[in-house]
Amino acid sequence: MLAFPAAVRIYVAVQPVDMRKQFNGLWSAVAEQLEEDPRSGAVFCFINKDRTRLKMLYWDGTGVWVLAKRLEKGRFSWPTPSEARQKLSLAPEALALLVGGVELKQGSLKAWYER
C-alpha cells in the first residue's frame, strides 16, 4: 500500500496527461497546467485518458521522484474534469483509497480490485 505522511499535500490533476511524459514533462505540467511549484514538497498525481495508468511527481528536497502504476485490467475511479478546476487537493488517506481501487464517491471497491 502506498502511504504518505499526513503533512504532505497531494494534488490530483483532473485533466488526463500524456503518459510518455517523464521527469521534465511532468515538472512542466505541474508548473503550467496546475500552476503549482514542483519544489513545494507536494505530491502531484496524473492519469492517462483511458484511466489505466497513473504517475506521481514528488520533490523530496534532494531530487525528483516519478512513481508509476499500470492497471492490468479495469480503470481508476478518477475525479471528472471541470471548467472551474484543474486540480483537486486530497488527503493522503484518500489518495491511498483511490489508488487502491476504492470509488471515493460510493466507497466501494472497483471490480478490478476484487480478488
PDB file of N, CA and C in Angstrom:
ATOM      1  N   MET A   1       0.842  -1.180   0.000  1.00  0.00           N
ATOM      2  CA  MET A   1       0.000   0.000   0.000  1.00  0.00           C
ATOM      3  C   MET A   1       0.883   1.238   0.000  1.00  0.00           C
ATOM      4  N   LEU A   2       0.459   2.228  -0.717  1.00  0.00           N
ATOM      5  CA  LEU A   2       1.167   3.491  -0.823  1.00  0.00           C
ATOM      6  C   LEU A   2       0.720   4.411   0.309  1.00  0.00           C
ATOM      7  N   ALA A   3       1.689   4.979   1.028  1.00  0.00           N
ATOM      8  CA  ALA A   3       1.329   5.857   2.142  1.00  0.00           C
ATOM      9  C   ALA A   3       2.268   7.059   2.188  1.00  0.00           C
ATOM     10  N   PHE A   4       1.689   8.218   2.431  1.00  0.00           N
ATOM     11  CA  PHE A   4       2.447   9.454   2.609  1.00  0.00           C
ATOM     12  C   PHE A   4       2.103  10.017   3.979  1.00  0.00           C
ATOM     13  N   PRO A   5       3.023  10.772   4.597  1.00  0.00           N
ATOM     14  CA  PRO A   5       2.716  11.399   5.883  1.00  0.00           C
ATOM     15  C   PRO A   5       1.532  12.359   5.757  1.00  0.00           C
ATOM     16  N   ALA A   6       0.830  12.549   6.846  1.00  0.00           N
ATOM     17  CA  ALA A   6      -0.360  13.409   6.842  1.00  0.00           C
ATOM     18  C   ALA A   6      -0.031  14.851   6.466  1.00  0.00           C
ATOM     19  N   ALA A   7       1.195  15.284   6.703  1.00  0.00           N
ATOM     20  CA  ALA A   7       1.566  16.670   6.414  1.00  0.00           C
ATOM     21  C   ALA A   7       1.803  16.930   4.924  1.00  0.00           C
ATOM     22  N   VAL A   8       1.940  15.882   4.133  1.00  0.00           N
ATOM     23  CA  VAL A   8       2.205  16.048   2.696  1.00  0.00           C
ATOM     24  C   VAL A   8       0.924  16.453   1.978  1.00  0.00           C
ATOM     25  N   ARG A   9       1.031  17.512   1.173  1.00  0.00           N
ATOM     26  CA  ARG A   9      -0.114  17.924   0.355  1.00  0.00           C
ATOM     27  C   ARG A   9      -0.127  17.099  -0.925  1.00  0.00           C
ATOM     28  N   ILE A  10      -1.314  16.723  -1.361  1.00  0.00           N
ATOM     29  CA  ILE A  10      -1.463  15.905  -2.564  1.00  0.00           C
ATOM     30  C   ILE A  10      -2.432  16.595  -3.501  1.00  0.00           C
ATOM     31  N   TYR A  11      -1.989  16.782  -4.735  1.00  0.00           N
ATOM     32  CA  TYR A  11      -2.822  17.391  -5.763  1.00  0.00           C
ATOM     33  C   TYR A  11      -3.058  16.382  -6.876  1.00  0.00           C
ATOM     34  N   VAL A  12      -4.301  16.287  -7.302  1.00  0.00           N
ATOM     35  CA  VAL A  12      -4.701  15.390  -8.382  1.00  0.00           C
ATOM     36  C   VAL A  12      -5.096  16.245  -9.577  1.00  0.00           C
ATOM     37  N   ALA A  13      -4.426  16.035 -10.702  1.00  0.00           N
ATOM     38  CA  ALA A  13      -4.794  16.733 -11.937  1.00  0.00           C
ATOM     39  C   ALA A  13      -6.023  16.043 -12.515  1.00  0.00           C
ATOM     40  N   VAL A  14      -7.088  16.795 -12.741  1.00  0.00           N
ATOM     41  CA  VAL A  14      -8.320  16.172 -13.239  1.00  0.00           C
ATOM     42  C   VAL A  14      -8.290  15.967 -14.752  1.00  0.00           C
ATOM     43  N   GLN A  15      -7.451  16.720 -15.470  1.00  0.00           N
ATOM     44  CA  GLN A  15      -7.314  16.531 -16.916  1.00  0.00           C
ATOM     45  C   GLN A  15      -6.293  15.425 -17.183  1.00  0.00           C
ATOM     46  N   PRO A  16      -6.582  14.539 -18.132  1.00  0.00           N
ATOM     47  CA  PRO A  16      -5.605  13.492 -18.474  1.00  0.00           C
ATOM     48  C   PRO A  16      -4.320  14.097 -19.031  1.00  0.00           C
ATOM     49  N   VAL A  17      -3.245  13.342 -18.892  1.00  0.00           N
ATOM     50  CA  VAL A  17      -1.940  13.788 -19.361  1.00  0.00           C
ATOM     51  C   VAL A  17      -1.311  12.663 -20.191  1.00  0.00           C
ATOM     52  N   ASP A  18      -0.448  13.014 -21.101  1.00  0.00           N
ATOM     53  CA  ASP A  18       0.262  12.042 -21.934  1.00  0.00           C
ATOM     54  C   ASP A  18       1.245  11.273 -21.047  1.00  0.00           C
ATOM     55  N   MET A  19       1.079   9.970 -20.949  1.00  0.00           N
ATOM     56  CA  MET A  19       1.916   9.170 -20.058  1.00  0.00           C
ATOM     57  C   MET A  19       3.326   8.951 -20.585  1.00  0.00           C
ATOM     58  N   ARG A  20       3.630   9.457 -21.767  1.00  0.00           N
ATOM     59  CA  ARG A  20       5.016   9.411 -22.241  1.00  0.00           C
ATOM     60  C   ARG A  20       5.862  10.455 -21.520  1.00  0.00           C
ATOM     61  N   LYS A  21       5.209  11.380 -20.828  1.00  0.00           N
ATOM     62  CA  LYS A  21       5.943  12.409 -20.079  1.00  0.00           C
ATOM     63  C   LYS A  21       6.690  11.761 -18.921  1.00  0.00           C
ATOM     64  N   GLN A  22       7.916  12.218 -18.737  1.00  0.00           N
ATOM     65  CA  GLN A  22       8.735  11.742 -17.634  1.00  0.00           C
ATOM     66  C   GLN A  22       9.008  12.910 -16.688  1.00  0.00           C
ATOM     67  N   PHE A  23      10.180  12.971 -16.133  1.00  0.00           N
ATOM     68  CA  PHE A  23      10.513  13.978 -15.132  1.00  0.00           C
ATOM     69  C   PHE A  23      10.239  15.402 -15.614  1.00  0.00           C
ATOM     70  N   ASN A  24      10.862  15.800 -16.709  1.00  0.00           N
ATOM     71  CA  ASN A  24      10.742  17.186 -17.174  1.00  0.00           C
ATOM     72  C   ASN A  24       9.339  17.511 -17.666  1.00  0.00           C
ATOM     73  N   GLY A  25       8.699  16.576 -18.362  1.00  0.00           N
ATOM     74  CA  GLY A  25       7.349  16.818 -18.867  1.00  0.00           C
ATOM     75  C   GLY A  25       6.332  16.955 -17.748  1.00  0.00           C
ATOM     76  N   LEU A  26       6.444  16.111 -16.722  1.00  0.00           N
ATOM     77  CA  LEU A  26       5.532  16.209 -15.582  1.00  0.00           C
ATOM     78  C   LEU A  26       5.827  17.471 -14.770  1.00  0.00           C
ATOM     79  N   TRP A  27       7.101  17.819 -14.654  1.00  0.00           N
ATOM     80  CA  TRP A  27       7.500  19.055 -13.968  1.00  0.00           C
ATOM     81  C   TRP A  27       6.827  20.253 -14.627  1.00  0.00           C
ATOM     82  N   SER A  28       6.869  20.279 -15.967  1.00  0.00           N
ATOM     83  CA  SER A  28       6.230  21.365 -16.722  1.00  0.00           C
ATOM     84  C   SER A  28       4.722  21.362 -16.535  1.00  0.00           C
ATOM     85  N   ALA A  29       4.112  20.176 -16.498  1.00  0.00           N
ATOM     86  CA  ALA A  29       2.664  20.081 -16.301  1.00  0.00           C
ATOM     87  C   ALA A  29       2.259  20.641 -14.942  1.00  0.00           C
ATOM     88  N   VAL A  30       3.062  20.380 -13.922  1.00  0.00           N
ATOM     89  CA  VAL A  30       2.774  20.928 -12.589  1.00  0.00           C
ATOM     90  C   VAL A  30       2.831  22.453 -12.626  1.00  0.00           C
ATOM     91  N   ALA A  31       3.878  22.986 -13.228  1.00  0.00           N
ATOM     92  CA  ALA A  31       4.063  24.438 -13.252  1.00  0.00           C
ATOM     93  C   ALA A  31       3.038  25.139 -14.137  1.00  0.00           C
ATOM     94  N   GLU A  32       2.762  24.588 -15.314  1.00  0.00           N
ATOM     95  CA  GLU A  32       1.901  25.274 -16.280  1.00  0.00           C
ATOM     96  C   GLU A  32       0.424  24.903 -16.152  1.00  0.00           C
ATOM     97  N   GLN A  33       0.127  23.617 -16.060  1.00  0.00           N
ATOM     98  CA  GLN A  33      -1.272  23.170 -16.018  1.00  0.00           C
ATOM     99  C   GLN A  33      -1.885  23.356 -14.632  1.00  0.00           C
ATOM    100  N   LEU A  34      -1.138  22.962 -13.605  1.00  0.00           N
ATOM    101  CA  LEU A  34      -1.674  23.040 -12.238  1.00  0.00           C
ATOM    102  C   LEU A  34      -1.327  24.355 -11.542  1.00  0.00           C
ATOM    103  N   GLU A  35      -0.409  25.111 -12.130  1.00  0.00           N
ATOM    104  CA  GLU A  35       0.029  26.391 -11.569  1.00  0.00           C
ATOM    105  C   GLU A  35       0.512  26.254 -10.125  1.00  0.00           C
ATOM    106  N   GLU A  36       1.340  25.247  -9.900  1.00  0.00           N
ATOM    107  CA  GLU A  36       1.940  24.995  -8.590  1.00  0.00           C
ATOM    108  C   GLU A  36       3.454  24.926  -8.750  1.00  0.00           C
ATOM    109  N   ASP A  37       4.157  25.047  -7.640  1.00  0.00           N
ATOM    110  CA  ASP A  37       5.610  24.928  -7.642  1.00  0.00           C
ATOM    111  C   ASP A  37       5.978  23.461  -7.437  1.00  0.00           C
ATOM    112  N   PRO A  38       6.634  22.833  -8.404  1.00  0.00           N
ATOM    113  CA  PRO A  38       7.002  21.422  -8.252  1.00  0.00           C
ATOM    114  C   PRO A  38       7.941  21.166  -7.077  1.00  0.00           C
ATOM    115  N   ARG A  39       8.657  22.190  -6.607  1.00  0.00           N
ATOM    116  CA  ARG A  39       9.583  22.041  -5.474  1.00  0.00           C
ATOM    117  C   ARG A  39       8.903  22.245  -4.124  1.00  0.00           C
ATOM    118  N   SER A  40       7.608  22.313  -4.103  1.00  0.00           N
ATOM    119  CA  SER A  40       6.884  22.605  -2.862  1.00  0.00           C
ATOM    120  C   SER A  40       6.869  21.441  -1.875  1.00  0.00           C
ATOM    121  N   GLY A  41       7.226  20.256  -2.316  1.00  0.00           N
ATOM    122  CA  GLY A  41       7.165  19.088  -1.444  1.00  0.00           C
ATOM    123  C   GLY A  41       5.838  18.364  -1.516  1.00  0.00           C
ATOM    124  N   ALA A  42       4.944  18.834  -2.372  1.00  0.00           N
ATOM    125  CA  ALA A  42       3.648  18.172  -2.562  1.00  0.00           C
ATOM    126  C   ALA A  42       3.800  17.023  -3.559  1.00  0.00           C
ATOM    127  N   VAL A  43       2.845  16.119  -3.530  1.00  0.00           N
ATOM    128  CA  VAL A  43       2.768  15.019  -4.498  1.00  0.00           C
ATOM    129  C   VAL A  43       1.748  15.423  -5.550  1.00  0.00           C
ATOM    130  N   PHE A  44       2.127  15.298  -6.814  1.00  0.00           N
ATOM    131  CA  PHE A  44       1.251  15.662  -7.928  1.00  0.00           C
ATOM    132  C   PHE A  44       0.910  14.400  -8.708  1.00  0.00           C
ATOM    133  N   CYS A  45      -0.379  14.132  -8.868  1.00  0.00           N
ATOM    134  CA  CYS A  45      -0.846  12.892  -9.490  1.00  0.00           C
ATOM    135  C   CYS A  45      -1.477  13.171 -10.846  1.00  0.00           C
ATOM    136  N   PHE A  46      -1.145  12.317 -11.805  1.00  0.00           N
ATOM    137  CA  PHE A  46      -1.647  12.452 -13.168  1.00  0.00           C
ATOM    138  C   PHE A  46      -2.174  11.107 -13.655  1.00  0.00           C
ATOM    139  N   ILE A  47      -3.173  11.156 -14.518  1.00  0.00           N
ATOM    140  CA  ILE A  47      -3.801   9.955 -15.074  1.00  0.00           C
ATOM    141  C   ILE A  47      -3.789  10.068 -16.591  1.00  0.00           C
ATOM    142  N   ASN A  48      -3.834   8.924 -17.277  1.00  0.00           N
ATOM    143  CA  ASN A  48      -3.942   8.981 -18.735  1.00  0.00           C
ATOM    144  C   ASN A  48      -5.408   9.035 -19.154  1.00  0.00           C
ATOM    145  N   LYS A  49      -5.642   9.224 -20.445  1.00  0.00           N
ATOM    146  CA  LYS A  49      -7.002   9.399 -20.957  1.00  0.00           C
ATOM    147  C   LYS A  49      -7.874   8.170 -20.690  1.00  0.00           C
ATOM    148  N   ASP A  50      -7.286   6.974 -20.773  1.00  0.00           N
ATOM    149  CA  ASP A  50      -8.049   5.741 -20.556  1.00  0.00           C
ATOM    150  C   ASP A  50      -8.230   5.400 -19.076  1.00  0.00           C
ATOM    151  N   ARG A  51      -7.595   6.164 -18.200  1.00  0.00           N
ATOM    152  CA  ARG A  51      -7.641   5.952 -16.744  1.00  0.00           C
ATOM    153  C   ARG A  51      -7.094   4.582 -16.340  1.00  0.00           C
ATOM    154  N   THR A  52      -6.081   4.108 -17.071  1.00  0.00           N
ATOM    155  CA  THR A  52      -5.454   2.829 -16.755  1.00  0.00           C
ATOM    156  C   THR A  52      -4.031   2.995 -16.229  1.00  0.00           C
ATOM    157  N   ARG A  53      -3.494   4.200 -16.332  1.00  0.00           N
ATOM    158  CA  ARG A  53      -2.131   4.474 -15.880  1.00  0.00           C
ATOM    159  C   ARG A  53      -2.109   5.729 -15.017  1.00  0.00           C
ATOM    160  N   LEU A  54      -1.246   5.688 -14.022  1.00  0.00           N
ATOM    161  CA  LEU A  54      -1.131   6.775 -13.056  1.00  0.00           C
ATOM    162  C   LEU A  54       0.344   7.098 -12.862  1.00  0.00           C
ATOM    163  N   LYS A  55       0.670   8.379 -12.808  1.00  0.00           N
ATOM    164  CA  LYS A  55       2.027   8.808 -12.473  1.00  0.00           C
ATOM    165  C   LYS A  55       1.949   9.878 -11.400  1.00  0.00           C
ATOM    166  N   MET A  56       2.952   9.853 -10.517  1.00  0.00           N
ATOM    167  CA  MET A  56       3.059  10.847  -9.457  1.00  0.00           C
ATOM    168  C   MET A  56       4.435  11.484  -9.513  1.00  0.00           C
ATOM    169  N   LEU A  57       4.479  12.779  -9.301  1.00  0.00           N
ATOM    170  CA  LEU A  57       5.731  13.525  -9.251  1.00  0.00           C
ATOM    171  C   LEU A  57       5.891  14.056  -7.833  1.00  0.00           C
ATOM    172  N   TYR A  58       7.087  13.856  -7.264  1.00  0.00           N
ATOM    173  CA  TYR A  58       7.333  14.280  -5.882  1.00  0.00           C
ATOM    174  C   TYR A  58       8.772  14.773  -5.749  1.00  0.00           C
ATOM    175  N   TRP A  59       8.943  15.957  -5.213  1.00  0.00           N
ATOM    176  CA  TRP A  59      10.257  16.528  -4.912  1.00  0.00           C
ATOM    177  C   TRP A  59      10.525  16.297  -3.434  1.00  0.00           C
ATOM    178  N   ASP A  60      11.609  15.557  -3.112  1.00  0.00           N
ATOM    179  CA  ASP A  60      11.895  15.240  -1.711  1.00  0.00           C
ATOM    180  C   ASP A  60      12.934  16.156  -1.079  1.00  0.00           C
ATOM    181  N   GLY A  61      13.328  17.205  -1.795  1.00  0.00           N
ATOM    182  CA  GLY A  61      14.318  18.132  -1.272  1.00  0.00           C
ATOM    183  C   GLY A  61      15.703  17.895  -1.848  1.00  0.00           C
ATOM    184  N   THR A  62      15.954  16.682  -2.350  1.00  0.00           N
ATOM    185  CA  THR A  62      17.252  16.377  -2.958  1.00  0.00           C
ATOM    186  C   THR A  62      17.122  15.959  -4.412  1.00  0.00           C
ATOM    187  N   GLY A  63      15.919  15.639  -4.831  1.00  0.00           N
ATOM    188  CA  GLY A  63      15.698  15.194  -6.206  1.00  0.00           C
ATOM    189  C   GLY A  63      14.226  14.928  -6.453  1.00  0.00           C
ATOM    190  N   VAL A  64      13.947  14.518  -7.675  1.00  0.00           N
ATOM    191  CA  VAL A  64      12.565  14.303  -8.105  1.00  0.00           C
ATOM    192  C   VAL A  64      12.285  12.808  -8.213  1.00  0.00           C
ATOM    193  N   TRP A  65      11.144  12.420  -7.687  1.00  0.00           N
ATOM    194  CA  TRP A  65      10.651  11.047  -7.819  1.00  0.00           C
ATOM    195  C   TRP A  65       9.521  11.023  -8.841  1.00  0.00           C
ATOM    196  N   VAL A  66       9.495   9.987  -9.666  1.00  0.00           N
ATOM    197  CA  VAL A  66       8.341   9.706 -10.512  1.00  0.00           C
ATOM    198  C   VAL A  66       7.902   8.291 -10.174  1.00  0.00           C
ATOM    199  N   LEU A  67       6.680   8.175  -9.676  1.00  0.00           N
ATOM    200  CA  LEU A  67       6.107   6.875  -9.357  1.00  0.00           C
ATOM    201  C   LEU A  67       5.055   6.566 -10.413  1.00  0.00           C
ATOM    202  N   ALA A  68       4.961   5.320 -10.829  1.00  0.00           N
ATOM    203  CA  ALA A  68       4.011   4.957 -11.884  1.00  0.00           C
ATOM    204  C   ALA A  68       3.287   3.666 -11.524  1.00  0.00           C
ATOM    205  N   LYS A  69       2.037   3.580 -11.966  1.00  0.00           N
ATOM    206  CA  LYS A  69       1.251   2.360 -11.791  1.00  0.00           C
ATOM    207  C   LYS A  69       0.437   2.132 -13.053  1.00  0.00           C
ATOM    208  N   ARG A  70       0.448   0.886 -13.543  1.00  0.00           N
ATOM    209  CA  ARG A  70      -0.352   0.492 -14.695  1.00  0.00           C
ATOM    210  C   ARG A  70      -1.269  -0.638 -14.254  1.00  0.00           C
ATOM    211  N   LEU A  71      -2.559  -0.450 -14.459  1.00  0.00           N
ATOM    212  CA  LEU A  71      -3.513  -1.491 -14.103  1.00  0.00           C
ATOM    213  C   LEU A  71      -3.484  -2.595 -15.148  1.00  0.00           C
ATOM    214  N   GLU A  72      -3.564  -3.822 -14.707  1.00  0.00           N
ATOM    215  CA  GLU A  72      -3.635  -4.948 -15.633  1.00  0.00           C
ATOM    216  C   GLU A  72      -5.019  -5.058 -16.248  1.00  0.00           C
ATOM    217  N   LYS A  73      -6.037  -4.678 -15.476  1.00  0.00           N
ATOM    218  CA  LYS A  73      -7.402  -4.618 -16.010  1.00  0.00           C
ATOM    219  C   LYS A  73      -8.171  -3.590 -15.201  1.00  0.00           C
ATOM    220  N   GLY A  74      -9.244  -3.098 -15.773  1.00  0.00           N
ATOM    221  CA  GLY A  74     -10.063  -2.102 -15.099  1.00  0.00           C
ATOM    222  C   GLY A  74      -9.534  -0.690 -15.286  1.00  0.00           C
ATOM    223  N   ARG A  75     -10.169   0.251 -14.594  1.00  0.00           N
ATOM    224  CA  ARG A  75      -9.827   1.673 -14.693  1.00  0.00           C
ATOM    225  C   ARG A  75      -9.848   2.292 -13.299  1.00  0.00           C
ATOM    226  N   PHE A  76      -9.031   3.315 -13.136  1.00  0.00           N
ATOM    227  CA  PHE A  76      -9.071   4.082 -11.901  1.00  0.00           C
ATOM    228  C   PHE A  76     -10.360   4.894 -11.859  1.00  0.00           C
ATOM    229  N   SER A  77     -10.939   5.016 -10.684  1.00  0.00           N
ATOM    230  CA  SER A  77     -12.065   5.918 -10.474  1.00  0.00           C
ATOM    231  C   SER A  77     -11.453   7.286 -10.206  1.00  0.00           C
ATOM    232  N   TRP A  78     -11.549   8.187 -11.179  1.00  0.00           N
ATOM    233  CA  TRP A  78     -10.827   9.463 -11.115  1.00  0.00           C
ATOM    234  C   TRP A  78     -11.809  10.612 -11.124  1.00  0.00           C
ATOM    235  N   PRO A  79     -11.521  11.703 -10.440  1.00  0.00           N
ATOM    236  CA  PRO A  79     -12.409  12.878 -10.486  1.00  0.00           C
ATOM    237  C   PRO A  79     -12.591  13.365 -11.923  1.00  0.00           C
ATOM    238  N   THR A  80     -13.795  13.798 -12.256  1.00  0.00           N
ATOM    239  CA  THR A  80     -14.079  14.253 -13.614  1.00  0.00           C
ATOM    240  C   THR A  80     -13.634  15.702 -13.806  1.00  0.00           C
ATOM    241  N   PRO A  81     -13.188  16.024 -15.022  1.00  0.00           N
ATOM    242  CA  PRO A  81     -12.750  17.399 -15.295  1.00  0.00           C
ATOM    243  C   PRO A  81     -13.892  18.398 -15.179  1.00  0.00           C
ATOM    244  N   SER A  82     -13.544  19.597 -14.797  1.00  0.00           N
ATOM    245  CA  SER A  82     -14.496  20.690 -14.690  1.00  0.00           C
ATOM    246  C   SER A  82     -13.818  21.951 -15.207  1.00  0.00           C
ATOM    247  N   GLU A  83     -14.595  22.823 -15.808  1.00  0.00           N
ATOM    248  CA  GLU A  83     -14.019  24.076 -16.303  1.00  0.00           C
ATOM    249  C   GLU A  83     -13.472  24.924 -15.157  1.00  0.00           C
ATOM    250  N   ALA A  84     -14.043  24.797 -14.001  1.00  0.00           N
ATOM    251  CA  ALA A  84     -13.673  25.647 -12.873  1.00  0.00           C
ATOM    252  C   ALA A  84     -12.410  25.179 -12.155  1.00  0.00           C
ATOM    253  N   ARG A  85     -12.010  23.928 -12.341  1.00  0.00           N
ATOM    254  CA  ARG A  85     -10.865  23.432 -11.582  1.00  0.00           C
ATOM    255  C   ARG A  85      -9.948  22.566 -12.449  1.00  0.00           C
ATOM    256  N   GLN A  86      -8.675  22.725 -12.224  1.00  0.00           N
ATOM    257  CA  GLN A  86      -7.658  21.933 -12.909  1.00  0.00           C
ATOM    258  C   GLN A  86      -7.095  20.856 -11.994  1.00  0.00           C
ATOM    259  N   LYS A  87      -7.295  21.053 -10.687  1.00  0.00           N
ATOM    260  CA  LYS A  87      -6.716  20.122  -9.722  1.00  0.00           C
ATOM    261  C   LYS A  87      -7.615  20.017  -8.500  1.00  0.00           C
ATOM    262  N   LEU A  88      -7.454  18.922  -7.792  1.00  0.00           N
ATOM    263  CA  LEU A  88      -8.120  18.714  -6.510  1.00  0.00           C
ATOM    264  C   LEU A  88      -7.053  18.449  -5.471  1.00  0.00           C
ATOM    265  N   SER A  89      -7.330  18.819  -4.256  1.00  0.00           N
ATOM    266  CA  SER A  89      -6.441  18.513  -3.150  1.00  0.00           C
ATOM    267  C   SER A  89      -7.037  17.339  -2.381  1.00  0.00           C
ATOM    268  N   LEU A  90      -6.219  16.323  -2.128  1.00  0.00           N
ATOM    269  CA  LEU A  90      -6.684  15.137  -1.409  1.00  0.00           C
ATOM    270  C   LEU A  90      -5.847  14.910  -0.160  1.00  0.00           C
ATOM    271  N   ALA A  91      -6.442  14.283   0.823  1.00  0.00           N
ATOM    272  CA  ALA A  91      -5.695  13.818   1.988  1.00  0.00           C
ATOM    273  C   ALA A  91      -4.930  12.558   1.578  1.00  0.00           C
ATOM    274  N   PRO A  92      -3.797  12.272   2.219  1.00  0.00           N
ATOM    275  CA  PRO A  92      -3.045  11.064   1.877  1.00  0.00           C
ATOM    276  C   PRO A  92      -3.884   9.789   1.967  1.00  0.00           C
ATOM    277  N   GLU A  93      -4.795   9.742   2.921  1.00  0.00           N
ATOM    278  CA  GLU A  93      -5.648   8.553   3.059  1.00  0.00           C
ATOM    279  C   GLU A  93      -6.576   8.403   1.860  1.00  0.00           C
ATOM    280  N   ALA A  94      -7.089   9.515   1.349  1.00  0.00           N
ATOM    281  CA  ALA A  94      -7.970   9.471   0.177  1.00  0.00           C
ATOM    282  C   ALA A  94      -7.206   9.013  -1.058  1.00  0.00           C
ATOM    283  N   LEU A  95      -5.955   9.462  -1.203  1.00  0.00           N
ATOM    284  CA  LEU A  95      -5.149   9.010  -2.334  1.00  0.00           C
ATOM    285  C   LEU A  95      -4.898   7.509  -2.251  1.00  0.00           C
ATOM    286  N   ALA A  96      -4.590   7.019  -1.062  1.00  0.00           N
ATOM    287  CA  ALA A  96      -4.362   5.583  -0.896  1.00  0.00           C
ATOM    288  C   ALA A  96      -5.605   4.788  -1.287  1.00  0.00           C
ATOM    289  N   LEU A  97      -6.777   5.280  -0.921  1.00  0.00           N
ATOM    290  CA  LEU A  97      -8.017   4.606  -1.307  1.00  0.00           C
ATOM    291  C   LEU A  97      -8.223   4.658  -2.815  1.00  0.00           C
ATOM    292  N   LEU A  98      -7.995   5.809  -3.410  1.00  0.00           N
ATOM    293  CA  LEU A  98      -8.175   5.989  -4.849  1.00  0.00           C
ATOM    294  C   LEU A  98      -7.251   5.059  -5.633  1.00  0.00           C
ATOM    295  N   VAL A  99      -5.981   5.018  -5.260  1.00  0.00           N
ATOM    296  CA  VAL A  99      -5.006   4.160  -5.933  1.00  0.00           C
ATOM    297  C   VAL A  99      -5.283   2.688  -5.636  1.00  0.00           C
ATOM    298  N   GLY A 100      -5.860   2.420  -4.475  1.00  0.00           N
ATOM    299  CA  GLY A 100      -6.152   1.047  -4.082  1.00  0.00           C
ATOM    300  C   GLY A 100      -7.425   0.475  -4.653  1.00  0.00           C
ATOM    301  N   GLY A 101      -8.179   1.258  -5.418  1.00  0.00           N
ATOM    302  CA  GLY A 101      -9.355   0.716  -6.083  1.00  0.00           C
ATOM    303  C   GLY A 101     -10.680   1.080  -5.470  1.00  0.00           C
ATOM    304  N   VAL A 102     -10.706   1.996  -4.541  1.00  0.00           N
ATOM    305  CA  VAL A 102     -11.963   2.390  -3.912  1.00  0.00           C
ATOM    306  C   VAL A 102     -12.541   3.597  -4.647  1.00  0.00           C
ATOM    307  N   GLU A 103     -13.816   3.531  -4.982  1.00  0.00           N
ATOM    308  CA  GLU A 103     -14.504   4.681  -5.568  1.00  0.00           C
ATOM    309  C   GLU A 103     -14.807   5.657  -4.446  1.00  0.00           C
ATOM    310  N   LEU A 104     -14.253   6.848  -4.522  1.00  0.00           N
ATOM    311  CA  LEU A 104     -14.406   7.803  -3.423  1.00  0.00           C
ATOM    312  C   LEU A 104     -15.844   8.265  -3.244  1.00  0.00           C
ATOM    313  N   LYS A 105     -16.603   8.360  -4.316  1.00  0.00           N
ATOM    314  CA  LYS A 105     -17.985   8.823  -4.196  1.00  0.00           C
ATOM    315  C   LYS A 105     -18.872   7.786  -3.524  1.00  0.00           C
ATOM    316  N   GLN A 106     -18.677   6.510  -3.872  1.00  0.00           N
ATOM    317  CA  GLN A 106     -19.561   5.464  -3.359  1.00  0.00           C
ATOM    318  C   GLN A 106     -18.942   4.654  -2.231  1.00  0.00           C
ATOM    319  N   GLY A 107     -17.619   4.730  -2.086  1.00  0.00           N
ATOM    320  CA  GLY A 107     -16.955   3.994  -1.022  1.00  0.00           C
ATOM    321  C   GLY A 107     -16.899   2.500  -1.244  1.00  0.00           C
ATOM    322  N   SER A 108     -17.005   2.066  -2.496  1.00  0.00           N
ATOM    323  CA  SER A 108     -16.973   0.634  -2.785  1.00  0.00           C
ATOM    324  C   SER A 108     -15.758   0.299  -3.638  1.00  0.00           C
ATOM    325  N   LEU A 109     -15.354  -0.966  -3.575  1.00  0.00           N
ATOM    326  CA  LEU A 109     -14.222  -1.415  -4.373  1.00  0.00           C
ATOM    327  C   LEU A 109     -14.630  -1.584  -5.825  1.00  0.00           C
ATOM    328  N   LYS A 110     -13.725  -1.240  -6.736  1.00  0.00           N
ATOM    329  CA  LYS A 110     -13.957  -1.467  -8.158  1.00  0.00           C
ATOM    330  C   LYS A 110     -13.779  -2.962  -8.434  1.00  0.00           C
ATOM    331  N   ALA A 111     -14.404  -3.440  -9.489  1.00  0.00           N
ATOM    332  CA  ALA A 111     -14.349  -4.865  -9.823  1.00  0.00           C
ATOM    333  C   ALA A 111     -12.921  -5.351 -10.067  1.00  0.00           C
ATOM    334  N   TRP A 112     -12.046  -4.514 -10.632  1.00  0.00           N
ATOM    335  CA  TRP A 112     -10.685  -4.955 -10.920  1.00  0.00           C
ATOM    336  C   TRP A 112      -9.904  -5.244  -9.656  1.00  0.00           C
ATOM    337  N   TYR A 113     -10.306  -4.676  -8.554  1.00  0.00           N
ATOM    338  CA  TYR A 113      -9.568  -4.855  -7.317  1.00  0.00           C
ATOM    339  C   TYR A 113     -10.008  -6.108  -6.563  1.00  0.00           C
ATOM    340  N   GLU A 114     -11.253  -6.521  -6.749  1.00  0.00           N
ATOM    341  CA  GLU A 114     -11.771  -7.675  -6.014  1.00  0.00           C
ATOM    342  C   GLU A 114     -10.986  -8.919  -6.375  1.00  0.00           C
ATOM    343  N   ARG A 115     -10.718  -9.717  -5.375  1.00  0.00           N
ATOM    344  CA  ARG A 115      -9.913 -10.932  -5.590  1.00  0.00           C
ATOM    345  C   ARG A 115     -10.776 -12.157  -5.535  1.00  0.00           C
TER     346      ARG A 115
END
